[in-house]
Amino acid sequence: MSGIQEKASSAIVAVGDIERARRFYSDMLGLELVQDGMEDVLVYKTGATHLVVYPSEFAGTNKANAVVWDCGADLDAIAADLRAKGVQFERYEMEGVTYKDGVHDADGFKMVWFKDPDGNILHLNSA
């Protein structure tokens, strides 16, 4: 038997309105919907993993990052694409970190935060 460290994992996000979430994650973010037949549960492919979106009365109550994408050198281009689609970025003040066009830059390590329609915090970084 293999341990948990060898098993795949997925991010999971609670939303208040599944159709609004479908429009955001499919159209705004451009994620590939790979499954939607489980009673209002949406499964998106994101690289080698999956993002599960499901309805919950507790949607948007998490005040920390819900999902993070490691974007590498593509971060600036991805941020520009999201900005062009109307995604509003969060701005956080951090010592030694500059901010321009939605991108926080900590001496070359770049970070972007934005929220889905339910207030779930989504994060991109250049790792």
C-alpha atoms as a PDB file:
ATOM      1  CA  MET A   1       0.000   0.000   0.000  1.00  0.00           C
ATOM      2  CA  SER A   2       1.299   3.469  -0.866  1.00  0.00           C
ATOM      3  CA  GLY A   3       0.940   6.456   1.427  1.00  0.00           C
ATOM      4  CA  ILE A   4      -0.939   9.698   0.976  1.00  0.00           C
ATOM      5  CA  GLN A   5       2.250  11.443  -0.170  1.00  0.00           C
ATOM      6  CA  GLU A   6       1.995   9.467  -3.425  1.00  0.00           C
ATOM      7  CA  LYS A   7      -1.635  10.339  -4.142  1.00  0.00           C
ATOM      8  CA  ALA A   8      -2.880  13.169  -6.361  1.00  0.00           C
ATOM      9  CA  SER A   9      -4.727  16.062  -4.757  1.00  0.00           C
ATOM     10  CA  SER A  10      -7.220  18.633  -5.996  1.00  0.00           C
ATOM     11  CA  ALA A  11      -8.219  22.097  -4.863  1.00  0.00           C
ATOM     12  CA  ILE A  12     -11.874  22.559  -3.917  1.00  0.00           C
ATOM     13  CA  VAL A  13     -13.817  25.846  -3.855  1.00  0.00           C
ATOM     14  CA  ALA A  14     -17.272  26.514  -2.424  1.00  0.00           C
ATOM     15  CA  VAL A  15     -19.558  28.851  -4.399  1.00  0.00           C
ATOM     16  CA  GLY A  16     -23.017  30.304  -3.840  1.00  0.00           C
ATOM     17  CA  ASP A  17     -24.237  30.182  -7.455  1.00  0.00           C
ATOM     18  CA  ILE A  18     -22.949  27.338  -9.615  1.00  0.00           C
ATOM     19  CA  GLU A  19     -23.933  28.941 -12.945  1.00  0.00           C
ATOM     20  CA  ARG A  20     -22.208  32.223 -12.035  1.00  0.00           C
ATOM     21  CA  ALA A  21     -19.164  30.178 -11.001  1.00  0.00           C
ATOM     22  CA  ARG A  22     -19.299  28.261 -14.304  1.00  0.00           C
ATOM     23  CA  ARG A  23     -19.173  31.554 -16.236  1.00  0.00           C
ATOM     24  CA  PHE A  24     -16.268  32.840 -14.135  1.00  0.00           C
ATOM     25  CA  TYR A  25     -14.101  29.721 -14.127  1.00  0.00           C
ATOM     26  CA  SER A  26     -14.899  28.721 -17.736  1.00  0.00           C
ATOM     27  CA  ASP A  27     -15.128  32.095 -19.475  1.00  0.00           C
ATOM     28  CA  MET A  28     -13.068  34.534 -17.389  1.00  0.00           C
ATOM     29  CA  LEU A  29     -10.310  32.134 -16.369  1.00  0.00           C
ATOM     30  CA  GLY A  30     -10.578  29.879 -19.428  1.00  0.00           C
ATOM     31  CA  LEU A  31     -10.318  26.647 -17.442  1.00  0.00           C
ATOM     32  CA  GLU A  32     -11.249  23.405 -19.181  1.00  0.00           C
ATOM     33  CA  LEU A  33     -14.428  21.888 -17.724  1.00  0.00           C
ATOM     34  CA  VAL A  34     -13.865  18.128 -17.641  1.00  0.00           C
ATOM     35  CA  GLN A  35     -16.847  17.016 -15.576  1.00  0.00           C
ATOM     36  CA  ASP A  36     -20.218  18.529 -14.699  1.00  0.00           C
ATOM     37  CA  GLY A  37     -22.553  15.585 -14.176  1.00  0.00           C
ATOM     38  CA  MET A  38     -22.389  15.328 -10.374  1.00  0.00           C
ATOM     39  CA  GLU A  39     -25.376  17.414  -9.195  1.00  0.00           C
ATOM     40  CA  ASP A  40     -24.002  20.944  -9.514  1.00  0.00           C
ATOM     41  CA  VAL A  41     -20.355  19.978  -9.036  1.00  0.00           C
ATOM     42  CA  LEU A  42     -17.929  21.265 -11.664  1.00  0.00           C
ATOM     43  CA  VAL A  43     -14.470  19.778 -12.177  1.00  0.00           C
ATOM     44  CA  TYR A  44     -11.879  21.776 -14.105  1.00  0.00           C
ATOM     45  CA  LYS A  45      -8.500  20.617 -15.378  1.00  0.00           C
ATOM     46  CA  THR A  46      -5.670  22.885 -14.243  1.00  0.00           C
ATOM     47  CA  GLY A  47      -2.316  21.555 -15.372  1.00  0.00           C
ATOM     48  CA  ALA A  48      -1.766  18.120 -13.852  1.00  0.00           C
ATOM     49  CA  THR A  49      -4.448  18.623 -11.180  1.00  0.00           C
ATOM     50  CA  HIS A  50      -8.122  19.500 -10.878  1.00  0.00           C
ATOM     51  CA  LEU A  51     -10.175  22.280  -9.356  1.00  0.00           C
ATOM     52  CA  VAL A  52     -13.520  21.156  -7.936  1.00  0.00           C
ATOM     53  CA  VAL A  53     -16.248  23.829  -7.674  1.00  0.00           C
ATOM     54  CA  TYR A  54     -19.330  23.006  -5.632  1.00  0.00           C
ATOM     55  CA  PRO A  55     -22.271  24.886  -4.109  1.00  0.00           C
ATOM     56  CA  SER A  56     -22.231  25.593  -0.376  1.00  0.00           C
ATOM     57  CA  GLU A  57     -23.901  27.982   2.027  1.00  0.00           C
ATOM     58  CA  PHE A  58     -20.396  28.732   3.337  1.00  0.00           C
ATOM     59  CA  ALA A  59     -19.082  30.033   0.001  1.00  0.00           C
ATOM     60  CA  GLY A  60     -16.604  32.884   0.275  1.00  0.00           C
ATOM     61  CA  THR A  61     -16.061  32.605   4.026  1.00  0.00           C
ATOM     62  CA  ASN A  62     -12.414  31.537   3.725  1.00  0.00           C
ATOM     63  CA  LYS A  63     -10.199  34.597   4.268  1.00  0.00           C
ATOM     64  CA  ALA A  64      -7.041  32.893   3.020  1.00  0.00           C
ATOM     65  CA  ASN A  65      -5.887  31.656  -0.385  1.00  0.00           C
ATOM     66  CA  ALA A  66      -8.281  29.044  -1.729  1.00  0.00           C
ATOM     67  CA  VAL A  67      -6.296  28.090  -4.841  1.00  0.00           C
ATOM     68  CA  VAL A  68      -2.772  28.846  -6.042  1.00  0.00           C
ATOM     69  CA  TRP A  69      -1.360  28.412  -9.539  1.00  0.00           C
ATOM     70  CA  ASP A  70       2.400  28.283 -10.149  1.00  0.00           C
ATOM     71  CA  CYS A  71       2.688  30.247 -13.397  1.00  0.00           C
ATOM     72  CA  GLY A  72       6.452  30.613 -13.752  1.00  0.00           C
ATOM     73  CA  ALA A  73       7.626  33.061 -16.411  1.00  0.00           C
ATOM     74  CA  ASP A  74       4.068  33.233 -17.836  1.00  0.00           C
ATOM     75  CA  LEU A  75       2.717  35.146 -14.823  1.00  0.00           C
ATOM     76  CA  ASP A  76       2.856  38.625 -16.387  1.00  0.00           C
ATOM     77  CA  ALA A  77       1.133  37.462 -19.591  1.00  0.00           C
ATOM     78  CA  ILE A  78      -1.532  35.571 -17.629  1.00  0.00           C
ATOM     79  CA  ALA A  79      -2.162  38.610 -15.422  1.00  0.00           C
ATOM     80  CA  ALA A  80      -2.445  40.855 -18.500  1.00  0.00           C
ATOM     81  CA  ASP A  81      -4.960  38.461 -20.073  1.00  0.00           C
ATOM     82  CA  LEU A  82      -7.065  38.347 -16.904  1.00  0.00           C
ATOM     83  CA  ARG A  83      -6.903  42.143 -16.558  1.00  0.00           C
ATOM     84  CA  ALA A  84      -8.098  42.506 -20.182  1.00  0.00           C
ATOM     85  CA  LYS A  85     -11.072  40.256 -19.345  1.00  0.00           C
ATOM     86  CA  GLY A  86     -12.024  42.536 -16.457  1.00  0.00           C
ATOM     87  CA  VAL A  87     -10.648  40.587 -13.499  1.00  0.00           C
ATOM     88  CA  GLN A  88     -10.051  42.958 -10.584  1.00  0.00           C
ATOM     89  CA  PHE A  89      -6.811  42.341  -8.700  1.00  0.00           C
ATOM     90  CA  GLU A  90      -6.259  42.660  -4.963  1.00  0.00           C
ATOM     91  CA  ARG A  91      -3.484  44.873  -3.628  1.00  0.00           C
ATOM     92  CA  TYR A  92      -1.654  43.974  -0.452  1.00  0.00           C
ATOM     93  CA  GLU A  93       0.969  46.196   1.153  1.00  0.00           C
ATOM     94  CA  MET A  94       4.090  44.227   2.033  1.00  0.00           C
ATOM     95  CA  GLU A  95       7.481  45.576   2.971  1.00  0.00           C
ATOM     96  CA  GLY A  96       9.969  45.361   0.101  1.00  0.00           C
ATOM     97  CA  VAL A  97       7.287  44.453  -2.441  1.00  0.00           C
ATOM     98  CA  THR A  98       6.388  46.669  -5.396  1.00  0.00           C
ATOM     99  CA  TYR A  99       3.003  46.667  -7.122  1.00  0.00           C
ATOM    100  CA  LYS A 100       2.230  47.414 -10.774  1.00  0.00           C
ATOM    101  CA  ASP A 101      -0.685  46.405 -13.013  1.00  0.00           C
ATOM    102  CA  GLY A 102      -1.987  43.917 -10.448  1.00  0.00           C
ATOM    103  CA  VAL A 103       1.365  42.186  -9.957  1.00  0.00           C
ATOM    104  CA  HIS A 104       3.257  42.226  -6.651  1.00  0.00           C
ATOM    105  CA  ASP A 105       7.016  41.857  -7.158  1.00  0.00           C
ATOM    106  CA  ALA A 106       9.254  40.715  -4.297  1.00  0.00           C
ATOM    107  CA  ASP A 107      12.681  41.006  -5.930  1.00  0.00           C
ATOM    108  CA  GLY A 108      11.699  38.828  -8.896  1.00  0.00           C
ATOM    109  CA  PHE A 109       9.199  36.569  -7.143  1.00  0.00           C
ATOM    110  CA  LYS A 110       5.873  37.725  -8.563  1.00  0.00           C
ATOM    111  CA  MET A 111       2.418  37.282  -7.064  1.00  0.00           C
ATOM    112  CA  VAL A 112      -1.148  38.130  -8.101  1.00  0.00           C
ATOM    113  CA  TRP A 113      -4.317  37.833  -6.035  1.00  0.00           C
ATOM    114  CA  PHE A 114      -7.924  38.153  -7.169  1.00  0.00           C
ATOM    115  CA  LYS A 115     -11.322  36.930  -6.034  1.00  0.00           C
ATOM    116  CA  ASP A 116     -13.989  34.849  -7.709  1.00  0.00           C
ATOM    117  CA  PRO A 117     -17.596  36.136  -7.597  1.00  0.00           C
ATOM    118  CA  ASP A 118     -18.090  34.554  -4.141  1.00  0.00           C
ATOM    119  CA  GLY A 119     -15.004  36.179  -2.647  1.00  0.00           C
ATOM    120  CA  ASN A 120     -12.752  33.097  -2.727  1.00  0.00           C
ATOM    121  CA  ILE A 121      -9.152  34.311  -2.912  1.00  0.00           C
ATOM    122  CA  LEU A 122      -7.274  32.980  -5.932  1.00  0.00           C
ATOM    123  CA  HIS A 123      -3.501  33.363  -6.176  1.00  0.00           C
ATOM    124  CA  LEU A 124      -0.949  33.219  -8.975  1.00  0.00           C
ATOM    125  CA  ASN A 125       2.795  33.167  -8.384  1.00  0.00           C
ATOM    126  CA  SER A 126       5.937  32.886 -10.446  1.00  0.00           C
ATOM    127  CA  ALA A 127       7.319  29.841  -8.626  1.00  0.00           C
END
